[in-house]
Amino acid sequence: MAELLPTLLFYFFSALVLGSGVAVIAARNPVHSVLFLIFAFFNTAGLFLLLGAEFLAMILIIVYVGAVAVLFLFVVMMLNINFAELRQGFLRYLPLGALVAAILLAEMLAAIYASLHGGALNRISPEGEAGGAVHIT
């Protein structure tokens, strides 16, 4: 059971990071979006703690949560933007967004197809193509 606990905690924190990341994007209220971002930072710090990187976890909390996310929160709260007005012309950009998404999907599928069917990038050994015979002088 002792060796199972870190694995379960890893999956727990990972699921929370992914869930809060999706909530950052899906939240309609920008203040809620920033709060979900702060939650994602805390869960990422939990992952760092599981990996034994306590310093990185504390730096993440101090720098990102303490400075960056709080700054985002203050800016979003102080601007007081009417988001209902901004969303009115959303459908006007839908064809362009669909075109860009289709191009990106085609590129990803082409890269996956090439890597699966022998068209992968040529790998260079750490010694270089000459097998270590060439030295930088």
C-alpha atoms as a PDB file:
ATOM      1  CA  MET A   1       0.000   0.000   0.000  1.00  0.00           C
ATOM      2  CA  ALA A   2       2.900   2.352   0.713  1.00  0.00           C
ATOM      3  CA  GLU A   3       4.167   2.179  -2.863  1.00  0.00           C
ATOM      4  CA  LEU A   4       0.650   2.671  -4.241  1.00  0.00           C
ATOM      5  CA  LEU A   5       0.005   5.956  -2.399  1.00  0.00           C
ATOM      6  CA  PRO A   6       2.435   8.154  -4.428  1.00  0.00           C
ATOM      7  CA  THR A   7       0.977   6.805  -7.655  1.00  0.00           C
ATOM      8  CA  LEU A   8      -2.570   7.537  -6.531  1.00  0.00           C
ATOM      9  CA  LEU A   9      -1.581  11.024  -5.383  1.00  0.00           C
ATOM     10  CA  PHE A  10       0.122  11.647  -8.725  1.00  0.00           C
ATOM     11  CA  TYR A  11      -3.025  10.690 -10.630  1.00  0.00           C
ATOM     12  CA  PHE A  12      -5.144  12.764  -8.235  1.00  0.00           C
ATOM     13  CA  PHE A  13      -3.056  15.921  -8.642  1.00  0.00           C
ATOM     14  CA  SER A  14      -2.730  15.350 -12.396  1.00  0.00           C
ATOM     15  CA  ALA A  15      -6.493  15.037 -12.785  1.00  0.00           C
ATOM     16  CA  LEU A  16      -6.986  18.214 -10.761  1.00  0.00           C
ATOM     17  CA  VAL A  17      -4.442  20.087 -12.902  1.00  0.00           C
ATOM     18  CA  LEU A  18      -6.145  18.944 -16.108  1.00  0.00           C
ATOM     19  CA  GLY A  19      -9.613  19.701 -14.749  1.00  0.00           C
ATOM     20  CA  SER A  20      -8.676  23.159 -13.553  1.00  0.00           C
ATOM     21  CA  GLY A  21      -6.910  23.832 -16.863  1.00  0.00           C
ATOM     22  CA  VAL A  22     -10.094  23.010 -18.736  1.00  0.00           C
ATOM     23  CA  ALA A  23     -12.040  25.177 -16.285  1.00  0.00           C
ATOM     24  CA  VAL A  24      -9.658  28.096 -16.953  1.00  0.00           C
ATOM     25  CA  ILE A  25     -10.601  27.937 -20.612  1.00  0.00           C
ATOM     26  CA  ALA A  26     -14.293  27.129 -20.148  1.00  0.00           C
ATOM     27  CA  ALA A  27     -15.137  29.630 -17.394  1.00  0.00           C
ATOM     28  CA  ARG A  28     -17.320  32.463 -18.628  1.00  0.00           C
ATOM     29  CA  ASN A  29     -16.375  34.812 -15.820  1.00  0.00           C
ATOM     30  CA  PRO A  30     -12.723  35.934 -16.068  1.00  0.00           C
ATOM     31  CA  VAL A  31     -12.405  36.179 -12.282  1.00  0.00           C
ATOM     32  CA  HIS A  32     -13.389  32.526 -12.000  1.00  0.00           C
ATOM     33  CA  SER A  33     -10.899  31.723 -14.742  1.00  0.00           C
ATOM     34  CA  VAL A  34      -8.058  33.310 -12.768  1.00  0.00           C
ATOM     35  CA  LEU A  35      -9.140  31.475  -9.616  1.00  0.00           C
ATOM     36  CA  PHE A  36      -9.044  28.167 -11.508  1.00  0.00           C
ATOM     37  CA  LEU A  37      -5.566  29.129 -12.730  1.00  0.00           C
ATOM     38  CA  ILE A  38      -4.455  29.638  -9.131  1.00  0.00           C
ATOM     39  CA  PHE A  39      -5.931  26.224  -8.287  1.00  0.00           C
ATOM     40  CA  ALA A  40      -3.945  24.698 -11.167  1.00  0.00           C
ATOM     41  CA  PHE A  41      -0.754  26.297  -9.829  1.00  0.00           C
ATOM     42  CA  PHE A  42      -1.339  24.821  -6.366  1.00  0.00           C
ATOM     43  CA  ASN A  43      -1.948  21.366  -7.828  1.00  0.00           C
ATOM     44  CA  THR A  44       1.203  21.638  -9.926  1.00  0.00           C
ATOM     45  CA  ALA A  45       3.071  22.516  -6.741  1.00  0.00           C
ATOM     46  CA  GLY A  46       1.624  19.327  -5.247  1.00  0.00           C
ATOM     47  CA  LEU A  47       3.053  17.370  -8.175  1.00  0.00           C
ATOM     48  CA  PHE A  48       6.449  18.977  -7.593  1.00  0.00           C
ATOM     49  CA  LEU A  49       6.267  17.966  -3.931  1.00  0.00           C
ATOM     50  CA  LEU A  50       5.563  14.371  -4.953  1.00  0.00           C
ATOM     51  CA  LEU A  51       8.648  14.434  -7.176  1.00  0.00           C
ATOM     52  CA  GLY A  52      10.792  15.660  -4.304  1.00  0.00           C
ATOM     53  CA  ALA A  53      11.299  19.147  -5.724  1.00  0.00           C
ATOM     54  CA  GLU A  54      10.199  21.148  -2.704  1.00  0.00           C
ATOM     55  CA  PHE A  55      12.097  24.256  -3.770  1.00  0.00           C
ATOM     56  CA  LEU A  56      10.342  24.358  -7.147  1.00  0.00           C
ATOM     57  CA  ALA A  57       6.974  23.867  -5.451  1.00  0.00           C
ATOM     58  CA  MET A  58       7.545  26.797  -3.108  1.00  0.00           C
ATOM     59  CA  ILE A  59       8.909  29.019  -5.890  1.00  0.00           C
ATOM     60  CA  LEU A  60       5.865  28.164  -8.025  1.00  0.00           C
ATOM     61  CA  ILE A  61       3.528  29.190  -5.232  1.00  0.00           C
ATOM     62  CA  ILE A  62       5.453  32.336  -4.320  1.00  0.00           C
ATOM     63  CA  VAL A  63       6.125  33.586  -7.846  1.00  0.00           C
ATOM     64  CA  TYR A  64       3.126  32.425  -9.849  1.00  0.00           C
ATOM     65  CA  VAL A  65       0.376  32.465  -7.256  1.00  0.00           C
ATOM     66  CA  GLY A  66       1.784  35.274  -5.162  1.00  0.00           C
ATOM     67  CA  ALA A  67       2.668  37.614  -7.987  1.00  0.00           C
ATOM     68  CA  VAL A  68       1.478  36.680 -11.462  1.00  0.00           C
ATOM     69  CA  ALA A  69      -1.967  35.253 -10.690  1.00  0.00           C
ATOM     70  CA  VAL A  70      -2.767  37.980  -8.168  1.00  0.00           C
ATOM     71  CA  LEU A  71      -1.743  40.578 -10.757  1.00  0.00           C
ATOM     72  CA  PHE A  72      -4.042  38.907 -13.311  1.00  0.00           C
ATOM     73  CA  LEU A  73      -6.843  38.932 -10.759  1.00  0.00           C
ATOM     74  CA  PHE A  74      -6.413  42.625  -9.977  1.00  0.00           C
ATOM     75  CA  VAL A  75      -6.268  43.572 -13.660  1.00  0.00           C
ATOM     76  CA  VAL A  76      -9.371  41.557 -14.499  1.00  0.00           C
ATOM     77  CA  MET A  77     -11.275  42.995 -11.552  1.00  0.00           C
ATOM     78  CA  MET A  78     -10.208  46.585 -12.221  1.00  0.00           C
ATOM     79  CA  LEU A  79     -10.956  46.611 -15.962  1.00  0.00           C
ATOM     80  CA  ASN A  80     -14.652  45.773 -15.503  1.00  0.00           C
ATOM     81  CA  ILE A  81     -15.156  44.776 -19.142  1.00  0.00           C
ATOM     82  CA  ASN A  82     -18.638  43.994 -20.438  1.00  0.00           C
ATOM     83  CA  PHE A  83     -18.048  40.494 -21.805  1.00  0.00           C
ATOM     84  CA  ALA A  84     -21.587  40.050 -23.112  1.00  0.00           C
ATOM     85  CA  GLU A  85     -20.906  42.890 -25.531  1.00  0.00           C
ATOM     86  CA  LEU A  86     -17.632  41.308 -26.655  1.00  0.00           C
ATOM     87  CA  ARG A  87     -19.283  37.944 -27.370  1.00  0.00           C
ATOM     88  CA  GLN A  88     -21.851  39.382 -29.788  1.00  0.00           C
ATOM     89  CA  GLY A  89     -19.633  39.192 -32.898  1.00  0.00           C
ATOM     90  CA  PHE A  90     -18.226  35.751 -32.107  1.00  0.00           C
ATOM     91  CA  LEU A  91     -19.878  33.845 -34.957  1.00  0.00           C
ATOM     92  CA  ARG A  92     -18.382  36.220 -37.493  1.00  0.00           C
ATOM     93  CA  TYR A  93     -14.935  34.690 -36.885  1.00  0.00           C
ATOM     94  CA  LEU A  94     -16.101  31.065 -36.835  1.00  0.00           C
ATOM     95  CA  PRO A  95     -15.190  30.235 -40.493  1.00  0.00           C
ATOM     96  CA  LEU A  96     -11.645  31.570 -40.074  1.00  0.00           C
ATOM     97  CA  GLY A  97     -11.227  29.687 -36.798  1.00  0.00           C
ATOM     98  CA  ALA A  98     -12.494  26.479 -38.407  1.00  0.00           C
ATOM     99  CA  LEU A  99     -10.016  26.918 -41.281  1.00  0.00           C
ATOM    100  CA  VAL A 100      -7.075  27.405 -38.904  1.00  0.00           C
ATOM    101  CA  ALA A 101      -8.193  24.394 -36.833  1.00  0.00           C
ATOM    102  CA  ALA A 102      -8.466  22.245 -39.982  1.00  0.00           C
ATOM    103  CA  ILE A 103      -4.957  23.255 -41.106  1.00  0.00           C
ATOM    104  CA  LEU A 104      -3.486  22.441 -37.687  1.00  0.00           C
ATOM    105  CA  LEU A 105      -5.312  19.103 -37.609  1.00  0.00           C
ATOM    106  CA  ALA A 106      -4.005  18.241 -41.094  1.00  0.00           C
ATOM    107  CA  GLU A 107      -0.443  19.072 -40.024  1.00  0.00           C
ATOM    108  CA  MET A 108      -0.700  16.928 -36.901  1.00  0.00           C
ATOM    109  CA  LEU A 109      -2.186  13.997 -38.811  1.00  0.00           C
ATOM    110  CA  ALA A 110       0.526  14.280 -41.480  1.00  0.00           C
ATOM    111  CA  ALA A 111       3.239  14.246 -38.814  1.00  0.00           C
ATOM    112  CA  ILE A 112       1.698  11.225 -37.087  1.00  0.00           C
ATOM    113  CA  TYR A 113       1.311   9.383 -40.395  1.00  0.00           C
ATOM    114  CA  ALA A 114       4.915  10.137 -41.377  1.00  0.00           C
ATOM    115  CA  SER A 115       6.282   8.948 -38.054  1.00  0.00           C
ATOM    116  CA  LEU A 116       4.288   5.705 -38.167  1.00  0.00           C
ATOM    117  CA  HIS A 117       5.066   4.803 -41.781  1.00  0.00           C
ATOM    118  CA  GLY A 118       8.820   5.179 -42.079  1.00  0.00           C
ATOM    119  CA  GLY A 119       9.003   8.866 -42.817  1.00  0.00           C
ATOM    120  CA  ALA A 120      10.335   9.756 -39.402  1.00  0.00           C
ATOM    121  CA  LEU A 121      13.049  12.306 -39.021  1.00  0.00           C
ATOM    122  CA  ASN A 122      16.576  11.046 -39.358  1.00  0.00           C
ATOM    123  CA  ARG A 123      18.126  10.676 -35.982  1.00  0.00           C
ATOM    124  CA  ILE A 124      21.687  11.846 -35.454  1.00  0.00           C
ATOM    125  CA  SER A 125      23.786  10.043 -32.912  1.00  0.00           C
ATOM    126  CA  PRO A 126      25.342  12.037 -30.076  1.00  0.00           C
ATOM    127  CA  GLU A 127      28.731  11.613 -31.754  1.00  0.00           C
ATOM    128  CA  GLY A 128      27.488  13.142 -35.001  1.00  0.00           C
ATOM    129  CA  GLU A 129      27.140  11.577 -38.430  1.00  0.00           C
ATOM    130  CA  ALA A 130      30.819  10.692 -38.657  1.00  0.00           C
ATOM    131  CA  GLY A 131      30.597   8.492 -35.582  1.00  0.00           C
ATOM    132  CA  GLY A 132      32.762  10.693 -33.418  1.00  0.00           C
ATOM    133  CA  ALA A 133      35.548  11.158 -35.972  1.00  0.00           C
ATOM    134  CA  VAL A 134      34.830  14.865 -36.327  1.00  0.00           C
ATOM    135  CA  HIS A 135      35.897  17.061 -33.429  1.00  0.00           C
ATOM    136  CA  ILE A 136      35.197  20.712 -32.928  1.00  0.00           C
ATOM    137  CA  THR A 137      38.477  22.593 -32.684  1.00  0.00           C
END
